Amino acid sequence: MWDSKNMMCAADPRHGRYLTASAMFRGKMSTKEVDEQMLNVQNKNSSYFVEWIPNNVKSTVCDIPPTGLAMASTFIGNSTSIQEMFRRVSEQFTAMFRRKAFLHWYTGEGMDEMEFTEAESNMNDLVSEYQQYQDATADEEGEYEDEEEGEYQGDYQ
């Protein structure tokens, strides 16, 4: 379930950290055992999970197995490793946009070149945000909250 070969896009989860995740299991299995195993995976691979979001992995169990199978699982994760894919797409887009390849098809339908520039900027911002989350620690998060509290206290005095 956690192997990069099981991912739906070419992003290696070992190159990032999970912000949140959800695992859904179907079939006859113990909910207690599922919870224990999920906790065990998190503890063994703690470097791949951000520590500043508590309880960031949820698991559910449906005791009705899928047709033709004894059991199955689905995993959905929000990992900072997705920035690899966004970077690749951005590089490919930039190369084509610089040459104005295929642009006439879109401008002919009413789009403006500025919309493409804005989309590129949004993608770069997203990559930066994921990088920031990947590098963040629980200590930094606490410092940020302290700064915010100080600002609010100043407003109320």
C-alpha atoms as a PDB file:
ATOM      1  CA  MET A   1       0.000   0.000   0.000  1.00  0.00           C
ATOM      2  CA  TRP A   2       2.854   2.412   0.798  1.00  0.00           C
ATOM      3  CA  ASP A   3       5.062   1.437  -2.153  1.00  0.00           C
ATOM      4  CA  SER A   4       5.769   4.094  -4.801  1.00  0.00           C
ATOM      5  CA  LYS A   5       4.660   1.582  -7.485  1.00  0.00           C
ATOM      6  CA  ASN A   6       1.126   1.881  -6.102  1.00  0.00           C
ATOM      7  CA  MET A   7       0.943   5.651  -6.597  1.00  0.00           C
ATOM      8  CA  MET A   8      -1.290   7.201  -9.252  1.00  0.00           C
ATOM      9  CA  CYS A   9       1.336   9.758 -10.279  1.00  0.00           C
ATOM     10  CA  ALA A  10       5.102   9.706 -10.579  1.00  0.00           C
ATOM     11  CA  ALA A  11       5.971  11.100  -7.165  1.00  0.00           C
ATOM     12  CA  ASP A  12       8.148   9.065  -4.820  1.00  0.00           C
ATOM     13  CA  PRO A  13       6.742   9.396  -1.277  1.00  0.00           C
ATOM     14  CA  ARG A  14      10.242   8.784   0.146  1.00  0.00           C
ATOM     15  CA  HIS A  15      11.216  12.227  -1.189  1.00  0.00           C
ATOM     16  CA  GLY A  16       8.610  14.021   0.897  1.00  0.00           C
ATOM     17  CA  ARG A  17       6.557  13.929   4.064  1.00  0.00           C
ATOM     18  CA  TYR A  18       2.894  13.096   4.563  1.00  0.00           C
ATOM     19  CA  LEU A  19       0.820  16.011   5.808  1.00  0.00           C
ATOM     20  CA  THR A  20      -2.342  13.925   6.099  1.00  0.00           C
ATOM     21  CA  ALA A  21      -3.417  10.458   5.031  1.00  0.00           C
ATOM     22  CA  SER A  22      -6.423   8.173   5.039  1.00  0.00           C
ATOM     23  CA  ALA A  23      -6.460   4.390   4.723  1.00  0.00           C
ATOM     24  CA  MET A  24      -9.682   2.513   3.984  1.00  0.00           C
ATOM     25  CA  PHE A  25      -9.863  -1.247   4.425  1.00  0.00           C
ATOM     26  CA  ARG A  26     -12.584  -3.623   3.210  1.00  0.00           C
ATOM     27  CA  GLY A  27     -13.052  -7.207   4.335  1.00  0.00           C
ATOM     28  CA  LYS A  28     -13.096  -9.316   7.473  1.00  0.00           C
ATOM     29  CA  MET A  29     -10.399  -7.877   9.716  1.00  0.00           C
ATOM     30  CA  SER A  30     -10.038  -6.553  13.222  1.00  0.00           C
ATOM     31  CA  THR A  31     -10.400  -2.782  13.603  1.00  0.00           C
ATOM     32  CA  LYS A  32      -8.043  -2.962  16.572  1.00  0.00           C
ATOM     33  CA  GLU A  33      -5.390  -4.748  14.508  1.00  0.00           C
ATOM     34  CA  VAL A  34      -5.748  -2.224  11.664  1.00  0.00           C
ATOM     35  CA  ASP A  35      -5.282   0.671  14.094  1.00  0.00           C
ATOM     36  CA  GLU A  36      -2.266  -1.022  15.704  1.00  0.00           C
ATOM     37  CA  GLN A  37      -0.643  -1.728  12.324  1.00  0.00           C
ATOM     38  CA  MET A  38      -1.257   1.812  11.071  1.00  0.00           C
ATOM     39  CA  LEU A  39       0.280   3.228  14.266  1.00  0.00           C
ATOM     40  CA  ASN A  40       3.192   0.810  13.868  1.00  0.00           C
ATOM     41  CA  VAL A  41       3.797   2.008  10.284  1.00  0.00           C
ATOM     42  CA  GLN A  42       3.714   5.634  11.441  1.00  0.00           C
ATOM     43  CA  ASN A  43       6.155   4.976  14.284  1.00  0.00           C
ATOM     44  CA  LYS A  44       8.603   3.020  12.095  1.00  0.00           C
ATOM     45  CA  ASN A  45       8.469   5.686   9.368  1.00  0.00           C
ATOM     46  CA  SER A  46       8.053   8.781  11.531  1.00  0.00           C
ATOM     47  CA  SER A  47      10.466  10.790   9.362  1.00  0.00           C
ATOM     48  CA  TYR A  48       7.929  10.541   6.508  1.00  0.00           C
ATOM     49  CA  PHE A  49       5.130  12.148   8.554  1.00  0.00           C
ATOM     50  CA  VAL A  50       5.046  15.746   9.750  1.00  0.00           C
ATOM     51  CA  GLU A  51       5.043  15.924  13.517  1.00  0.00           C
ATOM     52  CA  TRP A  52       3.270  19.262  13.729  1.00  0.00           C
ATOM     53  CA  ILE A  53      -0.107  17.853  12.624  1.00  0.00           C
ATOM     54  CA  PRO A  54      -1.272  15.478  15.365  1.00  0.00           C
ATOM     55  CA  ASN A  55      -3.413  12.461  14.431  1.00  0.00           C
ATOM     56  CA  ASN A  56      -2.841  13.106  10.733  1.00  0.00           C
ATOM     57  CA  VAL A  57      -3.522   9.514   9.615  1.00  0.00           C
ATOM     58  CA  LYS A  58      -7.055   8.167   9.752  1.00  0.00           C
ATOM     59  CA  SER A  59      -8.145   4.628   8.994  1.00  0.00           C
ATOM     60  CA  THR A  60     -11.569   3.102   8.436  1.00  0.00           C
ATOM     61  CA  VAL A  61     -12.759  -0.477   8.106  1.00  0.00           C
ATOM     62  CA  CYS A  62     -15.779  -1.768   6.193  1.00  0.00           C
ATOM     63  CA  ASP A  63     -16.399  -5.432   6.964  1.00  0.00           C
ATOM     64  CA  ILE A  64     -18.015  -6.093   3.562  1.00  0.00           C
ATOM     65  CA  PRO A  65     -15.273  -7.224   1.144  1.00  0.00           C
ATOM     66  CA  PRO A  66     -15.279  -6.160  -2.508  1.00  0.00           C
ATOM     67  CA  THR A  67     -16.781  -8.645  -4.957  1.00  0.00           C
ATOM     68  CA  GLY A  68     -14.333 -11.405  -5.800  1.00  0.00           C
ATOM     69  CA  LEU A  69     -11.780 -10.468  -3.123  1.00  0.00           C
ATOM     70  CA  ALA A  70     -11.302 -11.393   0.515  1.00  0.00           C
ATOM     71  CA  MET A  71     -10.050  -7.911   1.380  1.00  0.00           C
ATOM     72  CA  ALA A  72      -8.789  -4.697  -0.166  1.00  0.00           C
ATOM     73  CA  SER A  73      -7.357  -1.359   0.882  1.00  0.00           C
ATOM     74  CA  THR A  74      -7.187   2.151  -0.495  1.00  0.00           C
ATOM     75  CA  PHE A  75      -4.752   4.803   0.647  1.00  0.00           C
ATOM     76  CA  ILE A  76      -5.059   8.519  -0.033  1.00  0.00           C
ATOM     77  CA  GLY A  77      -2.214  10.732   1.112  1.00  0.00           C
ATOM     78  CA  ASN A  78      -1.310  14.398   0.890  1.00  0.00           C
ATOM     79  CA  SER A  79       2.468  14.259   0.589  1.00  0.00           C
ATOM     80  CA  THR A  80       4.952  17.029  -0.055  1.00  0.00           C
ATOM     81  CA  SER A  81       6.568  14.714  -2.628  1.00  0.00           C
ATOM     82  CA  ILE A  82       3.870  15.853  -5.080  1.00  0.00           C
ATOM     83  CA  GLN A  83       5.995  18.945  -5.656  1.00  0.00           C
ATOM     84  CA  GLU A  84       8.275  16.764  -7.843  1.00  0.00           C
ATOM     85  CA  MET A  85       5.423  16.228 -10.278  1.00  0.00           C
ATOM     86  CA  PHE A  86       4.369  19.891 -10.151  1.00  0.00           C
ATOM     87  CA  ARG A  87       7.962  20.934 -10.922  1.00  0.00           C
ATOM     88  CA  ARG A  88       8.131  18.597 -13.934  1.00  0.00           C
ATOM     89  CA  VAL A  89       4.806  19.853 -15.285  1.00  0.00           C
ATOM     90  CA  SER A  90       5.902  23.456 -14.722  1.00  0.00           C
ATOM     91  CA  GLU A  91       9.185  22.907 -16.578  1.00  0.00           C
ATOM     92  CA  GLN A  92       7.390  21.290 -19.514  1.00  0.00           C
ATOM     93  CA  PHE A  93       4.754  24.037 -19.562  1.00  0.00           C
ATOM     94  CA  THR A  94       7.391  26.786 -19.450  1.00  0.00           C
ATOM     95  CA  ALA A  95       9.302  25.233 -22.360  1.00  0.00           C
ATOM     96  CA  MET A  96       6.152  25.088 -24.494  1.00  0.00           C
ATOM     97  CA  PHE A  97       4.788  28.466 -23.394  1.00  0.00           C
ATOM     98  CA  ARG A  98       8.088  30.182 -24.188  1.00  0.00           C
ATOM     99  CA  ARG A  99       7.751  28.926 -27.783  1.00  0.00           C
ATOM    100  CA  LYS A 100       4.015  29.777 -27.722  1.00  0.00           C
ATOM    101  CA  ALA A 101       3.323  26.192 -28.812  1.00  0.00           C
ATOM    102  CA  PHE A 102      -0.403  25.440 -29.160  1.00  0.00           C
ATOM    103  CA  LEU A 103      -1.220  28.854 -27.665  1.00  0.00           C
ATOM    104  CA  HIS A 104      -3.288  29.883 -30.689  1.00  0.00           C
ATOM    105  CA  TRP A 105      -5.782  27.082 -29.957  1.00  0.00           C
ATOM    106  CA  TYR A 106      -6.549  28.595 -26.571  1.00  0.00           C
ATOM    107  CA  THR A 107      -6.442  32.281 -27.495  1.00  0.00           C
ATOM    108  CA  GLY A 108      -8.706  31.491 -30.444  1.00  0.00           C
ATOM    109  CA  GLU A 109     -11.290  30.199 -27.950  1.00  0.00           C
ATOM    110  CA  GLY A 110     -11.139  33.379 -25.879  1.00  0.00           C
ATOM    111  CA  MET A 111      -8.367  32.756 -23.365  1.00  0.00           C
ATOM    112  CA  ASP A 112      -5.766  35.412 -22.704  1.00  0.00           C
ATOM    113  CA  GLU A 113      -2.007  34.783 -22.487  1.00  0.00           C
ATOM    114  CA  MET A 114      -2.082  36.345 -19.030  1.00  0.00           C
ATOM    115  CA  GLU A 115      -4.202  33.423 -17.766  1.00  0.00           C
ATOM    116  CA  PHE A 116      -1.345  31.053 -18.604  1.00  0.00           C
ATOM    117  CA  THR A 117       1.187  33.258 -16.831  1.00  0.00           C
ATOM    118  CA  GLU A 118      -1.084  33.413 -13.796  1.00  0.00           C
ATOM    119  CA  ALA A 119      -1.531  29.614 -13.787  1.00  0.00           C
ATOM    120  CA  GLU A 120       2.245  29.174 -13.973  1.00  0.00           C
ATOM    121  CA  SER A 121       2.686  31.532 -11.039  1.00  0.00           C
ATOM    122  CA  ASN A 122       0.034  29.656  -9.037  1.00  0.00           C
ATOM    123  CA  MET A 123       1.821  26.354  -9.683  1.00  0.00           C
ATOM    124  CA  ASN A 124       5.162  27.821  -8.571  1.00  0.00           C
ATOM    125  CA  ASP A 125       3.490  29.161  -5.409  1.00  0.00           C
ATOM    126  CA  LEU A 126       2.071  25.694  -4.721  1.00  0.00           C
ATOM    127  CA  VAL A 127       5.524  24.108  -5.062  1.00  0.00           C
ATOM    128  CA  SER A 128       6.970  26.708  -2.668  1.00  0.00           C
ATOM    129  CA  GLU A 129       4.198  26.082  -0.163  1.00  0.00           C
ATOM    130  CA  TYR A 130       4.736  22.311  -0.218  1.00  0.00           C
ATOM    131  CA  GLN A 131       8.491  22.854   0.240  1.00  0.00           C
ATOM    132  CA  GLN A 132       7.774  25.104   3.223  1.00  0.00           C
ATOM    133  CA  TYR A 133       5.541  22.416   4.778  1.00  0.00           C
ATOM    134  CA  GLN A 134       8.163  19.742   4.154  1.00  0.00           C
ATOM    135  CA  ASP A 135      10.837  21.766   5.956  1.00  0.00           C
ATOM    136  CA  ALA A 136       8.603  22.906   8.850  1.00  0.00           C
ATOM    137  CA  THR A 137       9.036  21.474  12.340  1.00  0.00           C
ATOM    138  CA  ALA A 138       6.795  21.424  15.404  1.00  0.00           C
ATOM    139  CA  ASP A 139       9.067  24.001  17.100  1.00  0.00           C
ATOM    140  CA  GLU A 140       8.664  26.468  14.231  1.00  0.00           C
ATOM    141  CA  GLU A 141       4.899  26.019  14.302  1.00  0.00           C
ATOM    142  CA  GLY A 142       4.837  26.895  18.011  1.00  0.00           C
ATOM    143  CA  GLU A 143       6.950  29.991  17.417  1.00  0.00           C
ATOM    144  CA  TYR A 144       4.559  31.118  14.702  1.00  0.00           C
ATOM    145  CA  GLU A 145       1.564  30.681  17.022  1.00  0.00           C
ATOM    146  CA  ASP A 146       3.358  32.678  19.750  1.00  0.00           C
ATOM    147  CA  GLU A 147       3.946  35.509  17.283  1.00  0.00           C
ATOM    148  CA  GLU A 148       0.271  35.515  16.319  1.00  0.00           C
ATOM    149  CA  GLU A 149      -0.825  35.551  19.969  1.00  0.00           C
ATOM    150  CA  GLY A 150       1.470  38.521  20.610  1.00  0.00           C
ATOM    151  CA  GLU A 151      -0.125  40.411  17.742  1.00  0.00           C
ATOM    152  CA  TYR A 152      -3.629  39.745  19.021  1.00  0.00           C
ATOM    153  CA  GLN A 153      -2.745  40.703  22.577  1.00  0.00           C
ATOM    154  CA  GLY A 154      -1.467  44.017  21.274  1.00  0.00           C
ATOM    155  CA  ASP A 155      -4.812  44.659  19.584  1.00  0.00           C
ATOM    156  CA  TYR A 156      -6.826  44.085  22.751  1.00  0.00           C
ATOM    157  CA  GLN A 157      -4.818  46.258  25.129  1.00  0.00           C
END
